[in-house]
N, C-alpha and C. Protein backbone atom coordinates (compact mmCIF):
# COMPACT_ATOMS: atom_id res chain seq x y z
N MET A 1 -109.02 -33.88 18.70
CA MET A 1 -108.49 -34.60 17.58
C MET A 1 -107.58 -35.83 18.10
N ARG A 2 -106.79 -35.66 19.02
CA ARG A 2 -105.91 -36.59 19.51
C ARG A 2 -106.70 -37.93 20.03
N ILE A 3 -107.77 -37.75 20.66
CA ILE A 3 -108.73 -38.71 21.12
C ILE A 3 -109.32 -39.48 19.89
N TYR A 4 -109.47 -38.86 18.92
CA TYR A 4 -110.03 -39.62 17.75
C TYR A 4 -108.99 -40.57 17.01
N VAL A 5 -107.85 -40.03 16.90
CA VAL A 5 -106.73 -40.77 16.31
C VAL A 5 -106.43 -41.86 17.19
N PHE A 6 -106.44 -41.83 18.55
CA PHE A 6 -106.12 -42.97 19.38
C PHE A 6 -107.37 -43.99 19.30
N ALA A 7 -108.52 -43.54 19.23
CA ALA A 7 -109.70 -44.51 19.16
C ALA A 7 -109.66 -45.28 17.87
N ILE A 8 -109.35 -44.57 16.68
CA ILE A 8 -109.28 -45.23 15.47
C ILE A 8 -107.98 -46.30 15.39
N THR A 9 -107.00 -45.87 16.03
CA THR A 9 -105.76 -46.80 16.12
C THR A 9 -106.15 -47.96 16.87
N LEU A 10 -106.64 -47.77 18.00
CA LEU A 10 -107.07 -48.91 18.82
C LEU A 10 -108.10 -49.89 18.30
N ALA A 11 -109.12 -49.27 17.42
CA ALA A 11 -110.08 -50.12 16.80
C ALA A 11 -109.33 -50.91 15.68
N LEU A 12 -108.41 -50.32 14.82
CA LEU A 12 -107.72 -50.96 13.83
C LEU A 12 -106.80 -52.24 14.50
N GLN A 13 -106.29 -51.94 15.68
CA GLN A 13 -105.47 -52.95 16.27
C GLN A 13 -106.33 -54.08 16.71
N ILE A 14 -107.64 -53.86 17.28
CA ILE A 14 -108.47 -54.94 17.78
C ILE A 14 -108.88 -55.74 16.62
N VAL A 15 -109.27 -55.21 15.41
CA VAL A 15 -109.66 -55.96 14.16
C VAL A 15 -108.50 -56.73 13.46
N GLY A 16 -107.28 -56.40 13.87
CA GLY A 16 -106.27 -57.01 13.23
C GLY A 16 -105.50 -56.24 11.99
N PHE A 17 -105.65 -55.01 11.95
CA PHE A 17 -105.12 -54.29 10.89
C PHE A 17 -103.64 -53.96 11.08
N ASN A 18 -103.03 -54.39 10.02
CA ASN A 18 -101.45 -54.32 10.30
C ASN A 18 -100.95 -52.94 9.57
N ALA A 19 -100.88 -51.94 10.26
CA ALA A 19 -100.46 -50.53 9.67
C ALA A 19 -98.98 -50.66 9.14
N ALA A 20 -98.73 -49.85 8.19
CA ALA A 20 -97.29 -49.74 7.60
C ALA A 20 -96.21 -49.68 8.65
N HIS A 21 -96.51 -48.90 9.77
CA HIS A 21 -95.55 -48.76 10.78
C HIS A 21 -95.60 -49.85 11.88
N ALA A 22 -96.55 -50.72 11.93
CA ALA A 22 -96.59 -51.71 12.89
C ALA A 22 -95.67 -52.92 12.49
N ALA A 23 -95.12 -53.53 13.73
CA ALA A 23 -94.33 -54.76 13.42
C ALA A 23 -95.29 -55.88 13.04
N THR A 24 -94.74 -56.75 12.15
CA THR A 24 -95.47 -57.80 11.56
C THR A 24 -95.21 -59.09 12.50
N SER A 25 -96.31 -59.54 13.10
CA SER A 25 -95.95 -60.87 13.78
C SER A 25 -96.56 -62.05 12.86
N CYS A 26 -95.75 -63.22 12.98
CA CYS A 26 -95.88 -64.36 12.11
C CYS A 26 -96.17 -65.48 12.85
N SER A 27 -97.13 -66.36 12.34
CA SER A 27 -97.39 -67.74 12.88
C SER A 27 -97.15 -68.75 11.60
N GLY A 28 -96.62 -69.75 12.11
CA GLY A 28 -96.37 -70.95 11.15
C GLY A 28 -94.93 -71.44 11.26
N ASN A 29 -94.76 -72.65 10.57
CA ASN A 29 -93.43 -73.42 10.85
C ASN A 29 -92.19 -72.80 10.01
N ALA A 30 -92.47 -71.74 9.19
CA ALA A 30 -91.39 -71.21 8.44
C ALA A 30 -90.98 -69.71 8.93
N CYS A 31 -91.70 -69.21 9.95
CA CYS A 31 -91.51 -67.91 10.29
C CYS A 31 -90.05 -67.49 10.71
N ASN A 32 -89.25 -68.40 11.20
CA ASN A 32 -87.89 -68.15 11.40
C ASN A 32 -86.92 -67.89 10.13
N ASP A 33 -87.45 -68.43 8.98
CA ASP A 33 -86.72 -68.27 7.82
C ASP A 33 -87.13 -67.16 6.93
N VAL A 34 -88.15 -66.42 7.43
CA VAL A 34 -88.79 -65.23 6.55
C VAL A 34 -88.68 -64.05 7.31
N THR A 35 -88.26 -62.94 6.78
CA THR A 35 -88.32 -61.53 7.24
C THR A 35 -89.37 -60.73 6.51
N PHE A 36 -90.09 -59.99 7.35
CA PHE A 36 -91.04 -58.94 6.83
C PHE A 36 -90.49 -57.70 7.20
N GLU A 37 -90.17 -56.79 6.24
CA GLU A 37 -89.67 -55.40 6.44
C GLU A 37 -90.33 -54.46 5.73
N PHE A 38 -90.75 -53.35 6.42
CA PHE A 38 -91.45 -52.18 5.76
C PHE A 38 -90.34 -50.99 5.67
N LYS A 39 -89.97 -50.85 4.44
CA LYS A 39 -89.03 -49.83 4.23
C LYS A 39 -89.39 -49.12 2.85
N ASP A 40 -89.03 -47.83 2.66
CA ASP A 40 -89.28 -47.10 1.44
C ASP A 40 -90.80 -47.16 1.03
N GLY A 41 -91.64 -47.20 2.10
CA GLY A 41 -93.08 -47.26 1.70
C GLY A 41 -93.65 -48.43 1.24
N CYS A 42 -92.77 -49.58 1.36
CA CYS A 42 -93.39 -50.94 0.94
C CYS A 42 -92.94 -52.10 1.86
N TYR A 43 -93.84 -53.03 1.88
CA TYR A 43 -93.36 -54.46 2.58
C TYR A 43 -92.56 -55.19 1.64
N HIS A 44 -91.30 -55.59 2.26
CA HIS A 44 -90.50 -56.46 1.59
C HIS A 44 -90.32 -57.71 2.28
N ILE A 45 -90.64 -58.85 1.72
CA ILE A 45 -90.65 -60.20 2.33
C ILE A 45 -89.54 -61.14 1.70
N THR A 46 -88.76 -61.73 2.57
CA THR A 46 -87.58 -62.47 2.12
C THR A 46 -87.57 -63.87 2.60
N ASN A 47 -87.37 -64.79 1.86
CA ASN A 47 -87.18 -66.19 2.37
C ASN A 47 -85.78 -66.60 2.46
N HIS A 48 -85.24 -66.52 3.66
CA HIS A 48 -83.75 -66.93 3.91
C HIS A 48 -83.40 -68.34 4.06
N GLY A 49 -84.39 -69.10 4.00
CA GLY A 49 -84.34 -70.58 4.07
C GLY A 49 -83.87 -71.26 2.86
N THR A 50 -83.93 -72.63 2.95
CA THR A 50 -83.64 -73.37 1.82
C THR A 50 -84.81 -74.24 1.28
N LYS A 51 -85.95 -73.96 1.70
CA LYS A 51 -87.24 -74.53 1.26
C LYS A 51 -88.17 -73.43 0.75
N ARG A 52 -89.09 -73.86 -0.21
CA ARG A 52 -90.14 -73.03 -0.57
C ARG A 52 -91.10 -72.77 0.61
N VAL A 53 -91.49 -71.41 0.72
CA VAL A 53 -92.47 -71.09 1.79
C VAL A 53 -93.69 -70.33 1.23
N LYS A 54 -94.83 -70.78 1.72
CA LYS A 54 -96.22 -70.25 1.24
C LYS A 54 -96.49 -69.14 2.47
N VAL A 55 -96.64 -67.90 2.01
CA VAL A 55 -96.86 -66.74 3.02
C VAL A 55 -98.27 -66.12 2.61
N ALA A 56 -98.90 -65.93 3.74
CA ALA A 56 -100.18 -65.13 3.67
C ALA A 56 -100.17 -63.94 4.57
N MET A 57 -100.47 -62.91 3.97
CA MET A 57 -100.49 -61.53 4.69
C MET A 57 -101.82 -60.99 4.50
N GLY A 58 -102.79 -61.27 5.43
CA GLY A 58 -104.17 -60.96 5.27
C GLY A 58 -104.85 -61.81 4.23
N ASN A 59 -105.41 -61.12 3.20
CA ASN A 59 -106.03 -62.01 2.16
C ASN A 59 -105.15 -61.97 0.92
N VAL A 60 -103.76 -61.74 1.15
CA VAL A 60 -102.84 -61.92 -0.02
C VAL A 60 -102.00 -62.96 0.40
N GLY A 61 -101.86 -63.95 -0.66
CA GLY A 61 -100.92 -65.23 -0.47
C GLY A 61 -100.10 -65.32 -1.63
N PHE A 62 -98.84 -65.88 -1.45
CA PHE A 62 -97.86 -66.02 -2.50
C PHE A 62 -96.81 -67.16 -1.92
N THR A 63 -96.10 -67.62 -2.88
CA THR A 63 -95.15 -68.60 -2.51
C THR A 63 -93.75 -67.93 -2.92
N LEU A 64 -92.77 -68.06 -1.88
CA LEU A 64 -91.42 -67.58 -2.04
C LEU A 64 -90.55 -68.87 -2.28
N GLN A 65 -89.60 -68.61 -3.40
CA GLN A 65 -88.60 -69.82 -3.54
C GLN A 65 -87.40 -69.39 -2.46
N ARG A 66 -86.58 -70.38 -2.41
CA ARG A 66 -85.35 -70.04 -1.35
C ARG A 66 -84.54 -68.92 -1.94
N GLY A 67 -84.25 -68.00 -0.95
CA GLY A 67 -83.51 -66.82 -1.22
C GLY A 67 -84.28 -65.86 -1.95
N GLU A 68 -85.57 -65.94 -2.33
CA GLU A 68 -86.28 -64.90 -3.09
C GLU A 68 -86.91 -63.84 -1.99
N THR A 69 -86.92 -62.64 -2.68
CA THR A 69 -87.64 -61.45 -2.00
C THR A 69 -88.77 -60.93 -2.97
N THR A 70 -89.86 -60.69 -2.19
CA THR A 70 -90.98 -59.96 -3.04
C THR A 70 -91.38 -58.74 -2.33
N THR A 71 -92.00 -57.82 -3.09
CA THR A 71 -92.62 -56.62 -2.46
C THR A 71 -94.10 -56.77 -2.60
N LEU A 72 -94.76 -56.49 -1.57
CA LEU A 72 -96.28 -56.56 -1.51
C LEU A 72 -96.82 -55.37 -2.13
N THR A 73 -97.37 -55.56 -3.25
CA THR A 73 -98.05 -54.43 -4.05
C THR A 73 -99.51 -54.55 -4.14
N GLY A 74 -100.19 -53.49 -4.55
CA GLY A 74 -101.66 -53.42 -4.60
C GLY A 74 -102.12 -54.05 -5.81
N MET A 75 -103.36 -53.99 -6.06
CA MET A 75 -103.99 -54.71 -7.18
C MET A 75 -103.45 -54.30 -8.48
N ASP A 76 -103.04 -53.04 -8.66
CA ASP A 76 -102.43 -52.63 -9.90
C ASP A 76 -101.10 -53.25 -10.19
N GLY A 77 -100.55 -53.77 -9.15
CA GLY A 77 -99.14 -54.37 -9.32
C GLY A 77 -98.05 -53.42 -9.38
N LYS A 78 -98.30 -52.16 -9.10
CA LYS A 78 -97.22 -51.17 -9.12
C LYS A 78 -97.22 -50.48 -7.76
N THR A 79 -98.32 -49.92 -7.21
CA THR A 79 -98.07 -49.22 -5.91
C THR A 79 -98.07 -50.21 -4.77
N CYS A 80 -97.38 -49.76 -3.68
CA CYS A 80 -97.05 -50.57 -2.54
C CYS A 80 -98.37 -50.50 -1.68
N MET A 81 -98.64 -51.72 -0.90
CA MET A 81 -99.75 -51.83 0.01
C MET A 81 -99.29 -51.23 1.23
N GLN A 82 -100.06 -50.19 1.81
CA GLN A 82 -99.64 -49.58 3.16
C GLN A 82 -100.08 -50.43 4.30
N GLY A 83 -100.92 -51.39 4.18
CA GLY A 83 -101.28 -52.27 5.24
C GLY A 83 -102.30 -53.17 4.77
N TYR A 84 -102.62 -54.09 5.81
CA TYR A 84 -103.51 -55.22 5.39
C TYR A 84 -104.24 -55.59 6.68
N ILE A 85 -105.48 -56.28 6.41
CA ILE A 85 -106.17 -56.75 7.56
C ILE A 85 -106.03 -58.26 7.68
N GLY A 86 -105.76 -58.79 8.80
CA GLY A 86 -105.72 -60.19 8.98
C GLY A 86 -104.40 -60.67 9.51
N ASP A 87 -104.23 -61.92 9.49
CA ASP A 87 -102.99 -62.58 10.28
C ASP A 87 -101.81 -62.79 9.06
N THR A 88 -100.67 -63.08 9.54
CA THR A 88 -99.55 -63.16 8.68
C THR A 88 -98.97 -64.60 9.15
N THR A 89 -98.84 -65.52 8.07
CA THR A 89 -98.42 -66.83 8.28
C THR A 89 -97.25 -67.11 7.28
N ALA A 90 -96.51 -68.13 7.53
CA ALA A 90 -95.36 -68.44 6.64
C ALA A 90 -95.24 -69.96 7.02
N ASN A 91 -95.47 -70.88 6.07
CA ASN A 91 -95.40 -72.27 6.20
C ASN A 91 -94.61 -72.97 4.89
N TYR A 92 -93.78 -73.90 5.38
CA TYR A 92 -93.10 -74.62 4.27
C TYR A 92 -94.09 -75.34 3.43
N GLU A 93 -93.82 -75.50 2.12
CA GLU A 93 -94.68 -76.20 1.27
C GLU A 93 -94.44 -77.72 1.42
């Protein structure tokens, strides 16, 4: 069983799946102003800068105003996403 869990974890890392417990790496010119936290079962993203920032986490994209925090939710708008597939970017608008 332990081998299967390791193999699945390795495969998800190879395809770019960011699991809830994984650290989120960011690329883009606004990454230093944005924090990505996973707490209480949800991703919380905060713009600490003074400019609007366009964020993409996998296929989910949104814009954060200065000082704004958002929670990454599922398609129903209520439940928290536990992970996503793809890159994380943060760029000034």
